[in-house]
């Protein structure tokens, strides 16, 4: 994705929030927030994030 502040292409990222209960759940939420992808359409390939 084009990072508006840096002017370069970066992968979607984010931060853990106090309300996040799992790393995978947090990753899906951040992906949705940054890309607009419906979280219900996202299927992780592993329950263990790298």
N, C-alpha and C. Protein backbone atom coordinates (compact mmCIF):
# COMPACT_ATOMS: atom_id res chain seq x y z
N UNK A 1 0.84 -1.16 0.00
CA UNK A 1 0.00 0.00 0.00
C UNK A 1 0.89 1.23 0.00
N UNK A 2 0.41 2.27 -0.65
CA UNK A 2 1.16 3.53 -0.65
C UNK A 2 1.00 4.22 0.71
N UNK A 3 2.09 4.41 1.42
CA UNK A 3 2.06 5.09 2.71
C UNK A 3 2.01 6.60 2.46
N UNK A 4 0.94 7.22 2.92
CA UNK A 4 0.73 8.64 2.61
C UNK A 4 1.80 9.54 3.21
N UNK A 5 2.24 9.27 4.42
CA UNK A 5 3.22 10.14 5.07
C UNK A 5 4.63 9.94 4.52
N UNK A 6 5.00 8.66 4.23
CA UNK A 6 6.36 8.36 3.78
C UNK A 6 6.52 8.40 2.27
N UNK A 7 5.41 8.25 1.55
CA UNK A 7 5.48 8.27 0.10
C UNK A 7 6.13 7.02 -0.50
N UNK A 8 6.10 5.90 0.23
CA UNK A 8 6.66 4.64 -0.26
C UNK A 8 5.62 3.53 -0.10
N UNK A 9 5.87 2.41 -0.75
CA UNK A 9 4.97 1.26 -0.65
C UNK A 9 5.39 0.38 0.53
N UNK A 10 4.43 0.08 1.39
CA UNK A 10 4.66 -0.77 2.55
C UNK A 10 3.53 -1.78 2.69
N UNK A 11 3.78 -2.90 3.36
CA UNK A 11 2.71 -3.83 3.66
C UNK A 11 1.84 -3.23 4.75
N UNK A 12 0.55 -3.64 4.81
CA UNK A 12 -0.32 -3.14 5.89
C UNK A 12 0.27 -3.53 7.25
N UNK A 13 0.13 -2.68 8.21
CA UNK A 13 0.65 -2.95 9.55
C UNK A 13 -0.30 -2.44 10.59
N UNK A 14 0.16 -2.37 11.80
CA UNK A 14 -0.69 -1.87 12.86
C UNK A 14 -0.09 -2.15 14.23
N UNK A 15 -0.90 -1.97 15.23
CA UNK A 15 -0.46 -2.15 16.61
C UNK A 15 -1.50 -2.94 17.39
N UNK A 16 -1.03 -3.64 18.40
CA UNK A 16 -1.96 -4.32 19.29
C UNK A 16 -2.68 -3.29 20.15
N UNK A 17 -3.95 -3.54 20.37
CA UNK A 17 -4.77 -2.69 21.23
C UNK A 17 -5.06 -3.45 22.53
N UNK A 18 -5.33 -2.75 23.61
CA UNK A 18 -5.64 -3.44 24.88
C UNK A 18 -6.83 -4.40 24.77
N UNK A 19 -7.72 -4.16 23.82
CA UNK A 19 -8.89 -5.01 23.66
C UNK A 19 -8.63 -6.25 22.80
N UNK A 20 -7.47 -6.33 22.14
CA UNK A 20 -7.15 -7.50 21.31
C UNK A 20 -6.91 -8.71 22.20
N UNK A 21 -7.53 -9.83 21.83
CA UNK A 21 -7.38 -11.04 22.64
C UNK A 21 -6.45 -12.06 22.00
N UNK A 22 -6.23 -11.97 20.67
CA UNK A 22 -5.30 -12.86 19.98
C UNK A 22 -4.51 -12.07 18.96
N UNK A 23 -3.33 -12.57 18.62
CA UNK A 23 -2.51 -11.91 17.60
C UNK A 23 -3.16 -12.03 16.22
N UNK A 24 -3.75 -13.20 15.92
CA UNK A 24 -4.40 -13.39 14.62
C UNK A 24 -5.60 -12.45 14.50
N UNK A 25 -6.38 -12.34 15.55
CA UNK A 25 -7.53 -11.43 15.53
C UNK A 25 -7.11 -9.99 15.33
N UNK A 26 -6.03 -9.61 16.00
CA UNK A 26 -5.51 -8.25 15.84
C UNK A 26 -5.02 -8.01 14.41
N UNK A 27 -4.37 -9.00 13.84
CA UNK A 27 -3.87 -8.86 12.47
C UNK A 27 -5.02 -8.71 11.48
N UNK A 28 -6.08 -9.50 11.65
CA UNK A 28 -7.24 -9.41 10.76
C UNK A 28 -7.90 -8.05 10.90
N UNK A 29 -8.03 -7.56 12.12
CA UNK A 29 -8.63 -6.24 12.34
C UNK A 29 -7.80 -5.14 11.70
N UNK A 30 -6.49 -5.17 11.89
CA UNK A 30 -5.63 -4.15 11.30
C UNK A 30 -5.67 -4.20 9.78
N UNK A 31 -5.67 -5.42 9.20
CA UNK A 31 -5.76 -5.55 7.75
C UNK A 31 -7.05 -4.92 7.24
N UNK A 32 -8.13 -5.17 7.94
CA UNK A 32 -9.42 -4.61 7.55
C UNK A 32 -9.41 -3.09 7.64
N UNK A 33 -8.86 -2.57 8.73
CA UNK A 33 -8.83 -1.12 8.93
C UNK A 33 -7.97 -0.42 7.88
N UNK A 34 -6.86 -1.04 7.49
CA UNK A 34 -5.94 -0.36 6.58
C UNK A 34 -6.25 -0.57 5.11
N UNK A 35 -6.99 -1.64 4.78
CA UNK A 35 -7.23 -1.94 3.37
C UNK A 35 -8.69 -1.89 2.98
N UNK A 36 -9.60 -1.97 3.95
CA UNK A 36 -11.01 -2.02 3.64
C UNK A 36 -11.51 -3.42 3.32
N UNK A 37 -10.62 -4.43 3.42
CA UNK A 37 -11.02 -5.81 3.17
C UNK A 37 -11.94 -6.26 4.30
N UNK A 38 -13.07 -6.87 3.94
CA UNK A 38 -14.04 -7.36 4.93
C UNK A 38 -13.37 -8.45 5.77
N UNK A 39 -13.32 -8.29 7.10
CA UNK A 39 -12.66 -9.30 7.94
C UNK A 39 -13.30 -10.68 7.81
N UNK A 40 -14.57 -10.75 7.48
CA UNK A 40 -15.24 -12.05 7.32
C UNK A 40 -14.72 -12.79 6.07
N UNK A 41 -14.11 -12.05 5.14
CA UNK A 41 -13.59 -12.66 3.92
C UNK A 41 -12.13 -13.09 4.07
N UNK A 42 -11.51 -12.81 5.21
CA UNK A 42 -10.12 -13.12 5.45
C UNK A 42 -10.02 -14.45 6.18
N UNK A 43 -9.24 -15.38 5.62
CA UNK A 43 -9.05 -16.69 6.24
C UNK A 43 -7.56 -16.88 6.48
N UNK A 44 -7.12 -16.81 7.74
CA UNK A 44 -5.68 -17.02 8.02
C UNK A 44 -5.25 -18.44 7.65
N UNK A 45 -4.04 -18.58 7.16
CA UNK A 45 -3.53 -19.92 6.82
C UNK A 45 -3.01 -20.65 8.04
N UNK A 46 -2.80 -19.92 9.15
CA UNK A 46 -2.29 -20.52 10.37
C UNK A 46 -2.81 -19.76 11.57
N UNK A 47 -3.02 -20.47 12.66
CA UNK A 47 -3.43 -19.82 13.90
C UNK A 47 -2.23 -19.24 14.64
N UNK A 48 -1.02 -19.51 14.11
CA UNK A 48 0.20 -19.05 14.76
C UNK A 48 0.90 -18.04 13.87
N UNK A 49 0.80 -16.75 14.19
CA UNK A 49 1.44 -15.74 13.35
C UNK A 49 2.96 -15.87 13.38
N UNK A 50 3.58 -15.53 12.27
CA UNK A 50 5.05 -15.61 12.18
C UNK A 50 5.67 -14.44 12.90
